[in-house]
Amino acid sequence: MPRTAVPYTPFVPNGHLTDVAGTTIDSTLVTNGVVINDVDPERTLIRVTNTAGATKAITVKAGTGTQSWMAGQGDSVTTAAATTGVEWLGPFTSARFQQRGSKLFVDFASGTTGTITVFKLPKAY
């Protein structure tokens, strides 16, 4: 099964952003994982909330292909606390995490529930 695409929520330069609900982490996202298309890793932040009754791992997958020459450092795994865990991940090094086709892959441990929100940082003005 293909990964589920999660869109960016852009931060607003010289403005504000009202908090967004995010995408629900359900069994499909846990089984297939998430893809962020047209990724700009160095300007990407990911917020994951964990509502499961146990700690859960969130994995940002190491990249593939020649552009990911630092991928040998491996995946980045973060543990979110049980029930009310909120983790912020990123920004990321494209040379380690960017997949072929300008994508970023995120996986969740079995039984993860909660939300994922992908934010894009603006360029400085």
N, C-alpha and C. Protein backbone atom coordinates (compact mmCIF):
# COMPACT_ATOMS: atom_id res chain seq x y z
N MET A 1 0.85 -1.19 0.00
CA MET A 1 0.00 0.00 0.00
C MET A 1 0.89 1.25 0.00
N PRO A 2 0.45 2.28 -0.69
CA PRO A 2 1.24 3.51 -0.73
C PRO A 2 1.15 4.28 0.59
N ARG A 3 2.17 5.04 0.84
CA ARG A 3 2.17 5.90 2.02
C ARG A 3 1.11 6.99 1.85
N THR A 4 0.60 7.48 2.97
CA THR A 4 -0.39 8.55 2.95
C THR A 4 0.33 9.89 2.89
N ALA A 5 -0.04 10.72 1.91
CA ALA A 5 0.55 12.04 1.78
C ALA A 5 -0.05 12.99 2.81
N VAL A 6 0.82 13.67 3.55
CA VAL A 6 0.38 14.68 4.51
C VAL A 6 0.89 16.02 3.99
N PRO A 7 -0.01 17.00 3.81
CA PRO A 7 0.40 18.28 3.24
C PRO A 7 1.08 19.18 4.26
N TYR A 8 1.79 20.15 3.74
CA TYR A 8 2.40 21.18 4.58
C TYR A 8 1.35 22.14 5.11
N THR A 9 1.58 22.66 6.30
CA THR A 9 0.90 23.83 6.84
C THR A 9 1.97 24.90 6.92
N PRO A 10 1.91 25.93 6.08
CA PRO A 10 3.00 26.92 6.08
C PRO A 10 2.88 27.91 7.23
N PHE A 11 4.02 28.18 7.88
CA PHE A 11 4.07 29.30 8.81
C PHE A 11 4.00 30.58 7.99
N VAL A 12 3.45 31.63 8.57
CA VAL A 12 3.24 32.89 7.85
C VAL A 12 4.34 33.88 8.25
N PRO A 13 5.18 34.30 7.29
CA PRO A 13 6.22 35.26 7.64
C PRO A 13 5.62 36.59 8.07
N ASN A 14 6.16 37.14 9.11
CA ASN A 14 5.70 38.44 9.64
C ASN A 14 4.21 38.43 9.95
N GLY A 15 3.69 37.27 10.33
CA GLY A 15 2.26 37.14 10.62
C GLY A 15 2.04 36.14 11.73
N HIS A 16 0.95 35.38 11.60
CA HIS A 16 0.64 34.39 12.62
C HIS A 16 -0.01 33.18 11.96
N LEU A 17 -0.11 32.11 12.72
CA LEU A 17 -0.77 30.90 12.27
C LEU A 17 -1.63 30.40 13.42
N THR A 18 -2.91 30.27 13.21
CA THR A 18 -3.80 29.69 14.20
C THR A 18 -3.56 28.19 14.22
N ASP A 19 -3.48 27.60 15.42
CA ASP A 19 -3.17 26.18 15.55
C ASP A 19 -4.12 25.35 14.69
N VAL A 20 -3.58 24.30 14.09
CA VAL A 20 -4.35 23.43 13.21
C VAL A 20 -4.48 22.05 13.85
N ALA A 21 -5.52 21.33 13.47
CA ALA A 21 -5.80 20.03 14.08
C ALA A 21 -4.82 18.95 13.65
N GLY A 22 -4.35 19.01 12.43
CA GLY A 22 -3.44 17.98 11.94
C GLY A 22 -4.18 16.81 11.33
N THR A 23 -3.43 15.81 10.91
CA THR A 23 -3.96 14.60 10.29
C THR A 23 -4.01 13.50 11.34
N THR A 24 -5.14 12.83 11.44
CA THR A 24 -5.30 11.76 12.43
C THR A 24 -4.42 10.57 12.09
N ILE A 25 -3.68 10.11 13.08
CA ILE A 25 -2.87 8.89 12.92
C ILE A 25 -3.80 7.72 13.20
N ASP A 26 -4.11 6.97 12.15
CA ASP A 26 -4.98 5.81 12.28
C ASP A 26 -4.23 4.56 11.84
N SER A 27 -4.93 3.45 11.74
CA SER A 27 -4.28 2.18 11.39
C SER A 27 -3.64 2.23 10.00
N THR A 28 -4.23 2.99 9.08
CA THR A 28 -3.65 3.11 7.74
C THR A 28 -2.30 3.82 7.79
N LEU A 29 -2.21 4.91 8.53
CA LEU A 29 -0.94 5.62 8.65
C LEU A 29 0.10 4.77 9.37
N VAL A 30 -0.32 4.02 10.37
CA VAL A 30 0.62 3.16 11.09
C VAL A 30 1.12 2.05 10.18
N THR A 31 0.23 1.46 9.38
CA THR A 31 0.62 0.35 8.50
C THR A 31 1.46 0.82 7.32
N ASN A 32 1.05 1.90 6.66
CA ASN A 32 1.70 2.33 5.42
C ASN A 32 2.72 3.44 5.60
N GLY A 33 2.63 4.21 6.66
CA GLY A 33 3.52 5.34 6.86
C GLY A 33 3.03 6.59 6.15
N VAL A 34 3.80 7.65 6.31
CA VAL A 34 3.47 8.96 5.77
C VAL A 34 4.53 9.38 4.78
N VAL A 35 4.12 10.11 3.75
CA VAL A 35 5.05 10.74 2.83
C VAL A 35 4.76 12.23 2.80
N ILE A 36 5.82 13.03 2.81
CA ILE A 36 5.71 14.47 2.62
C ILE A 36 6.32 14.72 1.25
N ASN A 37 5.50 15.12 0.29
CA ASN A 37 5.94 15.34 -1.08
C ASN A 37 6.51 16.73 -1.26
N ASP A 38 7.37 16.88 -2.27
CA ASP A 38 8.00 18.17 -2.57
C ASP A 38 8.61 18.78 -1.31
N VAL A 39 9.31 17.94 -0.57
CA VAL A 39 9.83 18.33 0.73
C VAL A 39 11.03 19.28 0.60
N ASP A 40 11.12 20.17 1.55
CA ASP A 40 12.29 21.02 1.75
C ASP A 40 12.74 20.70 3.18
N PRO A 41 13.57 19.65 3.34
CA PRO A 41 13.88 19.14 4.68
C PRO A 41 14.38 20.18 5.66
N GLU A 42 15.22 21.09 5.20
CA GLU A 42 15.79 22.08 6.10
C GLU A 42 14.76 23.10 6.59
N ARG A 43 13.59 23.14 5.99
CA ARG A 43 12.53 24.06 6.40
C ARG A 43 11.28 23.32 6.88
N THR A 44 11.45 22.03 7.26
CA THR A 44 10.32 21.20 7.66
C THR A 44 10.36 20.89 9.15
N LEU A 45 9.25 21.15 9.83
CA LEU A 45 9.04 20.77 11.22
C LEU A 45 7.83 19.86 11.28
N ILE A 46 7.91 18.81 12.09
CA ILE A 46 6.80 17.88 12.24
C ILE A 46 6.38 17.85 13.71
N ARG A 47 5.07 18.02 13.93
CA ARG A 47 4.52 17.89 15.29
C ARG A 47 3.70 16.61 15.33
N VAL A 48 4.02 15.74 16.29
CA VAL A 48 3.27 14.50 16.48
C VAL A 48 2.73 14.48 17.90
N THR A 49 1.42 14.24 18.02
CA THR A 49 0.82 14.04 19.34
C THR A 49 0.51 12.55 19.48
N ASN A 50 0.78 12.01 20.64
CA ASN A 50 0.53 10.60 20.92
C ASN A 50 -0.59 10.49 21.95
N THR A 51 -1.72 9.91 21.55
CA THR A 51 -2.83 9.72 22.49
C THR A 51 -2.95 8.27 22.93
N ALA A 52 -2.04 7.41 22.47
CA ALA A 52 -2.06 6.00 22.89
C ALA A 52 -1.68 5.91 24.37
N GLY A 53 -2.07 4.83 25.01
CA GLY A 53 -1.80 4.64 26.43
C GLY A 53 -0.39 4.20 26.76
N ALA A 54 0.50 4.15 25.76
CA ALA A 54 1.89 3.76 25.97
C ALA A 54 2.80 4.66 25.14
N THR A 55 4.07 4.72 25.50
CA THR A 55 5.01 5.48 24.68
C THR A 55 5.09 4.84 23.30
N LYS A 56 5.31 5.67 22.28
CA LYS A 56 5.36 5.18 20.90
C LYS A 56 6.52 5.84 20.16
N ALA A 57 7.14 5.07 19.27
CA ALA A 57 8.26 5.57 18.47
C ALA A 57 7.77 6.19 17.17
N ILE A 58 8.41 7.29 16.80
CA ILE A 58 8.16 7.97 15.54
C ILE A 58 9.49 7.93 14.79
N THR A 59 9.47 7.43 13.57
CA THR A 59 10.71 7.24 12.82
C THR A 59 10.70 8.07 11.54
N VAL A 60 11.70 8.92 11.40
CA VAL A 60 11.94 9.62 10.14
C VAL A 60 13.00 8.78 9.43
N LYS A 61 12.64 8.26 8.27
CA LYS A 61 13.48 7.31 7.56
C LYS A 61 14.66 7.98 6.88
N ALA A 62 15.81 7.31 6.94
CA ALA A 62 16.99 7.76 6.22
C ALA A 62 16.69 7.71 4.72
N GLY A 63 17.29 8.61 3.97
CA GLY A 63 17.03 8.71 2.54
C GLY A 63 17.67 7.61 1.73
N THR A 64 17.33 7.61 0.46
CA THR A 64 17.91 6.66 -0.50
C THR A 64 18.41 7.44 -1.70
N GLY A 65 19.36 6.89 -2.38
CA GLY A 65 19.87 7.53 -3.58
C GLY A 65 21.12 8.35 -3.31
N THR A 66 21.70 8.85 -4.38
CA THR A 66 22.97 9.56 -4.27
C THR A 66 22.86 10.89 -3.54
N GLN A 67 21.68 11.53 -3.54
CA GLN A 67 21.53 12.80 -2.84
C GLN A 67 21.60 12.62 -1.33
N SER A 68 21.38 11.41 -0.84
CA SER A 68 21.38 11.14 0.60
C SER A 68 22.70 10.51 1.03
N TRP A 69 23.77 11.23 0.81
CA TRP A 69 25.09 10.69 1.09
C TRP A 69 25.36 10.53 2.58
N MET A 70 24.53 11.11 3.46
CA MET A 70 24.68 10.93 4.91
C MET A 70 23.69 9.91 5.47
N ALA A 71 22.96 9.21 4.61
CA ALA A 71 21.93 8.26 5.05
C ALA A 71 22.50 7.14 5.90
N GLY A 72 23.79 6.88 5.79
CA GLY A 72 24.42 5.85 6.60
C GLY A 72 24.34 6.10 8.09
N GLN A 73 24.01 7.33 8.48
CA GLN A 73 23.81 7.64 9.90
C GLN A 73 22.51 7.03 10.41
N GLY A 74 21.66 6.57 9.50
CA GLY A 74 20.45 5.86 9.87
C GLY A 74 19.23 6.73 10.08
N ASP A 75 18.15 6.05 10.44
CA ASP A 75 16.88 6.71 10.73
C ASP A 75 17.01 7.57 11.98
N SER A 76 16.07 8.50 12.14
CA SER A 76 15.94 9.27 13.37
C SER A 76 14.70 8.75 14.08
N VAL A 77 14.87 8.24 15.30
CA VAL A 77 13.76 7.68 16.06
C VAL A 77 13.55 8.52 17.32
N THR A 78 12.32 8.99 17.50
CA THR A 78 11.93 9.79 18.66
C THR A 78 10.82 9.07 19.38
N THR A 79 10.86 9.07 20.70
CA THR A 79 9.81 8.44 21.50
C THR A 79 8.87 9.50 22.06
N ALA A 80 7.58 9.32 21.81
CA ALA A 80 6.55 10.24 22.33
C ALA A 80 5.96 9.63 23.60
N ALA A 81 5.80 10.44 24.62
CA ALA A 81 5.25 10.00 25.89
C ALA A 81 3.82 9.50 25.73
N ALA A 82 3.41 8.63 26.63
CA ALA A 82 2.06 8.06 26.60
C ALA A 82 1.01 9.13 26.85
N THR A 83 -0.14 8.96 26.24
CA THR A 83 -1.38 9.70 26.44
C THR A 83 -1.32 11.17 26.02
N THR A 84 -0.36 11.93 26.47
CA THR A 84 -0.33 13.36 26.17
C THR A 84 0.99 13.78 25.53
N GLY A 85 1.75 12.86 24.98
CA GLY A 85 3.05 13.19 24.41
C GLY A 85 2.93 14.04 23.17
N VAL A 86 3.68 15.13 23.13
CA VAL A 86 3.77 15.98 21.95
C VAL A 86 5.25 16.12 21.63
N GLU A 87 5.62 15.75 20.42
CA GLU A 87 7.01 15.84 20.00
C GLU A 87 7.11 16.71 18.75
N TRP A 88 8.13 17.55 18.72
CA TRP A 88 8.46 18.36 17.55
C TRP A 88 9.73 17.78 16.96
N LEU A 89 9.71 17.47 15.67
CA LEU A 89 10.84 16.88 14.98
C LEU A 89 11.29 17.81 13.86
N GLY A 90 12.60 17.91 13.66
CA GLY A 90 13.15 18.69 12.56
C GLY A 90 13.69 20.01 13.05
N PRO A 91 14.14 20.83 12.12
CA PRO A 91 14.33 20.60 10.70
C PRO A 91 15.30 19.46 10.44
N PHE A 92 15.37 19.03 9.19
CA PHE A 92 16.12 17.84 8.82
C PHE A 92 17.22 18.16 7.80
N THR A 93 18.23 17.33 7.78
CA THR A 93 19.31 17.47 6.80
C THR A 93 18.92 16.70 5.55
N SER A 94 18.81 17.39 4.43
CA SER A 94 18.39 16.72 3.20
C SER A 94 19.37 15.61 2.82
N ALA A 95 20.64 15.80 3.08
CA ALA A 95 21.65 14.79 2.72
C ALA A 95 21.49 13.50 3.52
N ARG A 96 20.72 13.54 4.58
CA ARG A 96 20.48 12.32 5.38
C ARG A 96 19.08 11.76 5.17
N PHE A 97 18.07 12.61 5.00
CA PHE A 97 16.69 12.13 5.06
C PHE A 97 15.89 12.22 3.76
N GLN A 98 16.34 12.99 2.78
CA GLN A 98 15.54 13.16 1.57
C GLN A 98 15.53 11.88 0.73
N GLN A 99 14.31 11.44 0.38
CA GLN A 99 14.13 10.28 -0.47
C GLN A 99 14.18 10.70 -1.93
N ARG A 100 14.32 9.75 -2.82
CA ARG A 100 14.24 10.06 -4.25
C ARG A 100 12.92 10.76 -4.55
N GLY A 101 12.95 11.72 -5.45
CA GLY A 101 11.72 12.43 -5.82
C GLY A 101 11.34 13.51 -4.84
N SER A 102 12.27 13.99 -4.01
CA SER A 102 12.01 15.06 -3.03
C SER A 102 10.88 14.70 -2.08
N LYS A 103 11.07 13.59 -1.37
CA LYS A 103 10.08 13.12 -0.40
C LYS A 103 10.75 12.88 0.95
N LEU A 104 9.93 12.88 1.99
CA LEU A 104 10.37 12.53 3.34
C LEU A 104 9.40 11.47 3.84
N PHE A 105 9.93 10.40 4.44
CA PHE A 105 9.10 9.30 4.94
C PHE A 105 9.09 9.30 6.46
N VAL A 106 7.89 9.12 7.05
CA VAL A 106 7.73 9.03 8.49
C VAL A 106 6.93 7.76 8.79
N ASP A 107 7.40 6.98 9.77
CA ASP A 107 6.72 5.76 10.20
C ASP A 107 6.36 5.86 11.68
N PHE A 108 5.35 5.08 12.08
CA PHE A 108 4.87 5.07 13.46
C PHE A 108 4.90 3.65 14.01
N ALA A 109 5.15 3.52 15.31
CA ALA A 109 5.11 2.22 15.97
C ALA A 109 3.67 1.70 15.98
N SER A 110 3.55 0.40 16.00
CA SER A 110 2.24 -0.24 16.05
C SER A 110 1.43 0.29 17.23
N GLY A 111 0.17 0.59 16.97
CA GLY A 111 -0.73 1.07 18.02
C GLY A 111 -0.68 2.56 18.26
N THR A 112 0.10 3.29 17.48
CA THR A 112 0.17 4.75 17.66
C THR A 112 -1.16 5.37 17.27
N THR A 113 -1.63 6.29 18.08
CA THR A 113 -2.81 7.11 17.78
C THR A 113 -2.47 8.55 18.11
N GLY A 114 -3.18 9.48 17.51
CA GLY A 114 -2.93 10.89 17.75
C GLY A 114 -3.02 11.66 16.46
N THR A 115 -2.14 12.65 16.28
CA THR A 115 -2.14 13.46 15.06
C THR A 115 -0.71 13.75 14.62
N ILE A 116 -0.58 14.04 13.32
CA ILE A 116 0.67 14.53 12.76
C ILE A 116 0.36 15.80 11.97
N THR A 117 1.21 16.81 12.16
CA THR A 117 1.09 18.06 11.43
C THR A 117 2.47 18.40 10.89
N VAL A 118 2.54 18.74 9.62
CA VAL A 118 3.80 19.08 8.98
C VAL A 118 3.81 20.57 8.69
N PHE A 119 4.78 21.26 9.26
CA PHE A 119 4.89 22.71 9.09
C PHE A 119 6.07 23.04 8.18
N LYS A 120 5.91 24.10 7.40
CA LYS A 120 7.01 24.59 6.57
C LYS A 120 7.41 25.98 7.05
N LEU A 121 8.69 26.10 7.40
CA LEU A 121 9.21 27.37 7.84
C LEU A 121 9.42 28.29 6.63
N PRO A 122 9.07 29.57 6.75
CA PRO A 122 9.29 30.48 5.62
C PRO A 122 10.75 30.86 5.52
N LYS A 123 11.14 31.31 4.36
CA LYS A 123 12.47 31.88 4.20
C LYS A 123 12.47 33.24 4.89
N ALA A 124 13.62 33.61 5.41
CA ALA A 124 13.72 34.90 6.09
C ALA A 124 13.47 36.03 5.09
N TYR A 125 12.84 37.08 5.59
CA TYR A 125 12.58 38.25 4.75
C TYR A 125 13.60 39.31 5.01
